[in-house]
Each structure stands twice: as structure tokens, then as C-alpha cells.
Amino acid sequence: MAGVQPSFDSLGPADPASPVVLSVPHAGRDYPPELLAALRVPRSALLPLEDRHVDTLARAALGGETMLVARHPRAWIDLNRAERERDPRIDEGAAASVTPILSPRVRGGLGLVPRRAAAGVDLWGRRWRDAEVAARIAVDHRPYHAALAQALAAARARFGVAVLLDIHSMPPLVGADVARLVIGDRFGRTASTRFVGRIEGCARAFGLTVGRNSPYAGGHILERHAAPGKGLHAIQLEIDRSLYLDAALDMPGPGFDRTAALLRTIISAIADEALPASIAAE
């Protein structure tokens, strides 16, 4: 099946050279044929699930950090959902093999395998068999999280602290003085405020309005990997797509280079905040 193909790319050193580890879980564009064959809507209906080209942005901003980038799309499996967030309405194994977590996200159609990409639009012309979803968990979900945990553990072992930056993008928010960058730390539970403060400072220096936890507070990736009391911090970063895409929000646009520079500045600021002065000076 399609899962035999690599499900994510691992960039940078296997032994992290920075306390900052990067994750890009929602920008995959390798759509397996069996996924497309099951659609009851045009393929374009899946695009709202993509963090469109935020992987391209993250690659442009990458320095010497370790970074994981999902290749399969969110429509195939959502790496930012727990294994048990399985939707009984489309997943035949949700009730039979596990005790599902019927979170608000699952009820809204955005579970481990999304049922919807936009309100009121169901994606699939059939239900997924338990074996199909179990295979995606085994081949895509668990290896990604295992690699992320390994990288964070290695970074903490080397530097005494590790900071996960989970990189996403969002459609432009509507309203006056809306945030162009939203920082999620699960309402203060997954990262020290000093790291969040540094990100806010970087965004404001670039002239951007920044928000914290609204409307995006972070999901399973933060909940699973953060342990601030043990030196493992995790932050979700949502970047307004209009900052780096064209007017159609489809391809890299005129603001791409400036937004890549902002992301690079944020990564460097987090590393600077994480490292004791004696280590940073080496």
C-alpha cells in the first residue's frame, strides 16, 4: 500500500545541533491513490486541510536544526490528533478496536482521519476499514512521533533543554487588528513564558499583530511531547498564509522571503533563550 513510501522527511543532523527541534505535520502533498479514489468531492476540496507550502517556508528558514516534515497529507492521517481520536462516522474500527476520544474536534469532523475539510462538506464516499486506519497509525503516525520524541530527548541530553516548534499556517483571520501570527502553548501548560515572549517580540519587530492561544492553542503534538518541568517545551506557531503565499493562497508569493526571514529570526531567538550564555558563546 501507499504507506510503504516514506511518510516524512527528516532534515538536519540526527544528533541535534540546536535545542530547537522543528515539526511540520500538516503540509504534506503526497496523496495516495487509494485516498483519492475514495473521494466523493473534487480533490480541491482537500486543500483547506493543507498548511499550504508552510513546509517550503520552513525549509527556507532552516539553519542547523533538526526538522521533521510530513509527506502524506492531513487528509490521510492527522499527526496532530491522538490515535484514539477516531471518528465512528467514517472509521469502522473506531468503536471496535479502541475506546474513541469523541473530542470537539472529532465531532466537528476533524479527527485522526478527517471527515470534513469545510463545514457541511463530507469528503469520503465510503467508510474506512479498521485495518486501513490501523496501517496509517503504524506506518505514519507512530514513526513520526517516535522520531520527534527521539530528537527532543537527544537535544535535551545535549543542551539540558529542548524546545519543539510545531509550524503551521492559518487562513487569514477576519476582523480589525487580527493576529497575523498565533502562538499556542495550551494556555501556558506546554512551554515557559520566556520562549513565548521572545516569539512575540520577534513578530512585533516585523510589524505583525500577534495572538496567543486564540483561535489556535495547539493540539496533540504539544500535549504529547511537552514536559516543561523536565526541560521539554513545545510551542505551536500559526502563520497567516497571506504573509507568504500569492493572492490565491496557493503558491509562494511576494512576501515569502520576508516571512522566511521572520521564521529564521524566531528560531534563532528561541535557541538564544534556551542556551546558557556560556554554551551560546562557544
Protein backbone atom coordinates (compact mmCIF):
# COMPACT_ATOMS: atom_id res chain seq x y z
CA MET A 1 0.00 0.00 0.00
CA ALA A 2 0.99 3.67 -0.21
CA GLY A 3 2.26 3.59 3.36
CA VAL A 4 5.41 1.75 2.27
CA GLN A 5 6.65 5.07 0.89
CA PRO A 6 8.50 7.33 3.36
CA SER A 7 5.84 9.15 5.34
CA PHE A 8 8.03 12.06 6.46
CA ASP A 9 11.37 13.70 5.75
CA SER A 10 13.98 14.13 8.47
CA LEU A 11 16.20 17.13 7.80
CA GLY A 12 19.30 18.34 9.59
CA PRO A 13 21.53 16.35 11.92
CA ALA A 14 20.30 13.14 13.53
CA ASP A 15 22.04 14.32 16.71
CA PRO A 16 20.52 17.80 17.15
CA ALA A 17 22.95 20.69 16.92
CA SER A 18 20.40 23.07 18.44
CA PRO A 19 17.99 22.91 21.39
CA VAL A 20 15.23 23.83 18.91
CA VAL A 21 13.54 20.94 17.08
CA LEU A 22 11.10 21.75 14.27
CA SER A 23 7.97 19.88 13.20
CA VAL A 24 5.80 20.46 10.10
CA PRO A 25 2.92 17.97 10.32
CA HIS A 26 0.17 19.42 8.09
CA ALA A 27 1.81 20.46 4.80
CA GLY A 28 2.13 17.05 3.10
CA ARG A 29 1.10 16.90 -0.56
CA ASP A 30 1.80 13.24 -1.44
CA TYR A 31 -1.78 12.00 -1.88
CA PRO A 32 -2.01 8.18 -2.00
CA PRO A 33 -4.14 6.86 -4.89
CA GLU A 34 -6.48 4.96 -2.57
CA LEU A 35 -7.24 8.20 -0.76
CA LEU A 36 -8.14 10.00 -3.98
CA ALA A 37 -10.21 7.03 -5.17
CA ALA A 38 -12.38 7.29 -2.04
CA LEU A 39 -13.27 10.96 -2.51
CA ARG A 40 -16.87 11.96 -3.11
CA VAL A 41 -15.83 15.55 -3.81
CA PRO A 42 -13.19 17.12 -6.10
CA ARG A 43 -9.59 16.83 -4.96
CA SER A 44 -9.53 20.60 -4.50
CA ALA A 45 -11.89 20.12 -1.54
CA LEU A 46 -8.92 18.73 0.43
CA LEU A 47 -6.89 21.93 0.13
CA PRO A 48 -8.34 23.61 3.24
CA LEU A 49 -6.75 20.80 5.28
CA GLU A 50 -3.27 21.68 3.97
CA ASP A 51 -0.97 24.16 5.66
CA ARG A 52 -0.23 25.22 2.12
CA HIS A 53 3.53 25.40 1.44
CA VAL A 54 4.44 26.08 5.05
CA ASP A 55 6.93 23.24 4.58
CA THR A 56 8.54 25.24 1.78
CA LEU A 57 8.70 28.21 4.14
CA ALA A 58 10.22 26.12 6.95
CA ARG A 59 12.85 24.65 4.62
CA ALA A 60 13.83 28.16 3.55
CA ALA A 61 14.23 29.20 7.19
CA LEU A 62 16.09 26.08 8.29
CA GLY A 63 19.60 26.51 9.65
CA GLY A 64 21.34 23.72 11.54
CA GLU A 65 18.23 22.47 13.34
CA THR A 66 16.68 19.03 13.17
CA MET A 67 13.30 19.16 11.43
CA LEU A 68 10.59 16.61 10.61
CA VAL A 69 8.28 17.29 7.65
CA ALA A 70 5.27 15.07 6.95
CA ARG A 71 4.96 13.95 3.32
CA HIS A 72 1.49 12.43 3.43
CA PRO A 73 -1.36 14.92 3.73
CA ARG A 74 -3.50 15.62 6.73
CA ALA A 75 -6.45 14.10 4.84
CA TRP A 76 -4.64 10.73 5.02
CA ILE A 77 -3.92 10.95 8.76
CA ASP A 78 -3.65 13.91 11.11
CA LEU A 79 -0.41 13.73 13.08
CA ASN A 80 -1.76 16.41 15.42
CA ARG A 81 -4.51 14.13 16.71
CA ALA A 82 -4.25 11.33 19.25
CA GLU A 83 -4.51 7.76 17.99
CA ARG A 84 -7.86 7.40 19.75
CA GLU A 85 -9.44 10.46 18.11
CA ARG A 86 -11.13 8.18 15.57
CA ASP A 87 -14.44 9.23 14.06
CA PRO A 88 -17.10 6.46 14.22
CA ARG A 89 -18.99 8.08 11.34
CA ILE A 90 -16.27 7.18 8.82
CA ASP A 91 -13.99 4.75 10.67
CA GLU A 92 -15.30 1.21 11.09
CA GLY A 93 -12.66 0.40 13.70
CA ALA A 94 -13.25 3.41 15.92
CA ALA A 95 -15.51 1.61 18.38
CA ALA A 96 -14.40 -1.98 17.74
CA SER A 97 -10.66 -1.74 18.37
CA VAL A 98 -10.25 1.27 20.66
CA THR A 99 -12.19 3.45 23.04
CA PRO A 100 -12.51 6.55 20.86
CA ILE A 101 -11.98 10.05 22.17
CA LEU A 102 -15.01 11.96 20.92
CA SER A 103 -13.38 15.34 21.32
CA PRO A 104 -14.93 18.53 19.91
CA ARG A 105 -12.50 18.18 17.01
CA VAL A 106 -13.75 14.68 16.21
CA ARG A 107 -17.38 15.75 16.49
CA GLY A 108 -16.63 18.59 14.09
CA GLY A 109 -15.19 16.20 11.52
CA LEU A 110 -11.51 16.86 12.20
CA GLY A 111 -10.40 13.63 13.84
CA LEU A 112 -7.43 11.36 13.23
CA VAL A 113 -8.76 10.82 9.71
CA PRO A 114 -10.71 13.96 8.85
CA ARG A 115 -14.31 13.53 7.77
CA ARG A 116 -14.65 17.12 6.58
CA ALA A 117 -12.39 19.86 5.28
CA ALA A 118 -15.01 22.61 5.45
CA ALA A 119 -18.27 22.97 7.33
CA GLY A 120 -21.01 20.79 5.91
CA VAL A 121 -18.87 19.08 3.26
CA ASP A 122 -18.26 15.36 3.81
CA LEU A 123 -15.19 14.08 1.97
CA TRP A 124 -15.48 10.33 1.59
CA GLY A 125 -17.69 8.08 -0.50
CA ARG A 126 -17.12 5.12 1.80
CA ARG A 127 -16.11 4.26 5.35
CA TRP A 128 -12.52 3.33 6.20
CA ARG A 129 -11.87 -0.20 7.42
CA ASP A 130 -10.18 -0.70 10.76
CA ALA A 131 -7.15 -2.31 9.07
CA GLU A 132 -6.71 0.73 6.81
CA VAL A 133 -6.64 3.22 9.66
CA ALA A 134 -4.50 0.92 11.81
CA ALA A 135 -1.94 0.73 8.99
CA ARG A 136 -1.77 4.52 8.78
CA ILE A 137 -1.22 4.70 12.53
CA ALA A 138 1.56 2.11 12.33
CA VAL A 139 3.32 3.49 9.25
CA ASP A 140 2.77 7.25 9.54
CA HIS A 141 1.61 8.37 12.98
CA ARG A 142 3.75 6.32 15.37
CA PRO A 143 7.05 6.67 13.44
CA TYR A 144 6.64 10.45 13.23
CA HIS A 145 6.03 10.81 16.94
CA ALA A 146 8.80 8.35 17.80
CA ALA A 147 11.29 10.32 15.70
CA LEU A 148 10.12 13.59 17.25
CA ALA A 149 10.48 12.18 20.77
CA GLN A 150 13.94 10.87 19.95
CA ALA A 151 15.11 14.21 18.57
CA LEU A 152 13.78 16.10 21.58
CA ALA A 153 15.38 13.66 24.01
CA ALA A 154 18.72 13.99 22.22
CA ALA A 155 18.51 17.79 22.23
CA ARG A 156 17.69 17.85 25.95
CA ALA A 157 20.53 15.44 26.70
CA ARG A 158 22.99 17.70 24.90
CA PHE A 159 21.74 21.13 25.95
CA GLY A 160 19.76 20.46 29.12
CA VAL A 161 16.62 21.81 27.47
CA ALA A 162 14.73 21.23 24.23
CA VAL A 163 12.10 23.39 22.55
CA LEU A 164 9.73 21.96 19.95
CA LEU A 165 8.41 24.49 17.45
CA ASP A 166 5.42 22.97 15.67
CA ILE A 167 4.96 25.00 12.49
CA HIS A 168 1.52 25.52 10.93
CA SER A 169 -0.26 28.08 8.78
CA MET A 170 -3.74 29.52 9.03
CA PRO A 171 -6.19 31.22 6.70
CA PRO A 172 -6.28 34.99 7.22
CA LEU A 173 -8.39 35.88 10.23
CA VAL A 174 -11.25 38.34 9.80
CA GLY A 175 -11.71 41.48 11.84
CA ALA A 176 -9.94 44.61 12.97
CA ASP A 177 -6.44 44.23 14.41
CA VAL A 178 -6.49 40.45 13.93
CA ALA A 179 -3.38 38.43 14.65
CA ARG A 180 -1.12 37.55 11.73
CA LEU A 181 0.80 35.13 13.93
CA VAL A 182 -0.78 32.97 16.65
CA ILE A 183 1.32 31.28 19.33
CA GLY A 184 -0.13 28.21 21.02
CA ASP A 185 1.17 26.86 24.31
CA ARG A 186 -2.00 25.16 25.59
CA PHE A 187 -2.71 28.20 27.75
CA GLY A 188 0.70 28.18 29.40
CA ARG A 189 0.93 24.45 30.02
CA THR A 190 3.46 23.37 27.38
CA ALA A 191 6.19 26.00 27.41
CA SER A 192 7.84 28.59 29.58
CA THR A 193 6.51 32.10 29.01
CA ARG A 194 10.05 33.29 28.28
CA PHE A 195 10.04 31.43 24.97
CA VAL A 196 6.60 32.73 24.05
CA GLY A 197 7.71 36.24 24.93
CA ARG A 198 10.70 36.01 22.60
CA ILE A 199 8.47 34.92 19.71
CA GLU A 200 6.05 37.78 20.39
CA GLY A 201 8.94 40.22 20.37
CA CYS A 202 10.20 38.93 17.01
CA ALA A 203 6.75 39.20 15.44
CA ARG A 204 6.21 42.74 16.68
CA ALA A 205 9.65 43.78 15.44
CA PHE A 206 8.46 42.70 11.99
CA GLY A 207 5.37 44.86 12.39
CA LEU A 208 2.94 41.98 12.93
CA THR A 209 0.00 41.67 15.30
CA VAL A 210 0.44 38.53 17.38
CA GLY A 211 -2.05 36.45 19.36
CA ARG A 212 -1.71 33.79 22.00
CA ASN A 213 -3.86 30.60 22.08
CA SER A 214 -6.82 32.10 20.22
CA PRO A 215 -8.11 30.70 17.99
CA TYR A 216 -5.33 28.06 18.00
CA ALA A 217 -3.91 26.78 21.27
CA GLY A 218 -2.05 23.73 19.95
CA GLY A 219 -3.06 20.10 19.70
CA HIS A 220 -1.87 16.56 20.30
CA ILE A 221 1.75 17.20 19.30
CA LEU A 222 2.16 19.73 22.10
CA GLU A 223 0.18 17.66 24.58
CA ARG A 224 2.20 14.54 23.83
CA HIS A 225 5.73 15.93 23.75
CA ALA A 226 5.77 18.83 26.20
CA ALA A 227 7.05 18.43 29.75
CA PRO A 228 8.31 21.87 30.81
CA GLY A 229 9.18 20.65 34.28
CA LYS A 230 11.58 18.18 32.67
CA GLY A 231 13.08 20.68 30.24
CA LEU A 232 10.87 19.80 27.25
CA HIS A 233 8.98 22.80 25.94
CA ALA A 234 6.58 22.80 22.98
CA ILE A 235 5.02 25.69 21.07
CA GLN A 236 2.69 25.77 18.08
CA LEU A 237 3.18 28.58 15.59
CA GLU A 238 0.36 29.54 13.19
CA ILE A 239 1.41 31.84 10.35
CA ASP A 240 -1.11 33.80 8.28
CA ARG A 241 -0.89 32.32 4.76
CA SER A 242 -1.33 35.70 3.12
CA LEU A 243 2.08 36.66 4.53
CA TYR A 244 3.95 34.22 2.29
CA LEU A 245 1.55 32.98 -0.42
CA ASP A 246 0.17 34.67 -3.52
CA ALA A 247 -3.26 36.30 -3.72
CA ALA A 248 -4.90 32.93 -4.41
CA LEU A 249 -3.24 31.48 -1.28
CA ASP A 250 -1.85 28.71 -3.47
CA MET A 251 1.84 29.26 -4.27
CA PRO A 252 4.72 31.19 -2.65
CA GLY A 253 4.16 34.89 -3.21
CA PRO A 254 5.93 38.23 -2.86
CA GLY A 255 6.04 38.08 0.94
CA PHE A 256 7.72 34.68 1.05
CA ASP A 257 11.32 35.83 1.64
CA ARG A 258 10.39 38.27 4.38
CA THR A 259 8.27 35.67 6.19
CA ALA A 260 11.08 33.10 5.91
CA ALA A 261 13.39 35.70 7.47
CA LEU A 262 10.88 36.19 10.30
CA LEU A 263 10.70 32.44 10.94
CA ARG A 264 14.50 32.24 10.91
CA THR A 265 14.63 35.09 13.44
CA ILE A 266 12.12 33.30 15.68
CA ILE A 267 14.07 30.02 15.60
CA SER A 268 17.32 31.82 16.46
CA ALA A 269 15.65 33.77 19.28
CA ILE A 270 14.27 30.58 20.84
CA ALA A 271 17.70 28.95 20.68
CA ASP A 272 19.28 32.03 22.23
CA GLU A 273 16.73 31.97 25.05
CA ALA A 274 17.29 28.25 25.65
CA LEU A 275 21.07 28.26 25.81
CA PRO A 276 23.09 29.44 28.82
CA ALA A 277 25.43 32.26 27.87
CA SER A 278 28.48 30.01 28.36
CA ILE A 279 27.22 27.48 25.79
CA ALA A 280 25.97 30.10 23.34
CA ALA A 281 29.43 31.73 23.34
CA GLU A 282 31.24 28.51 22.34
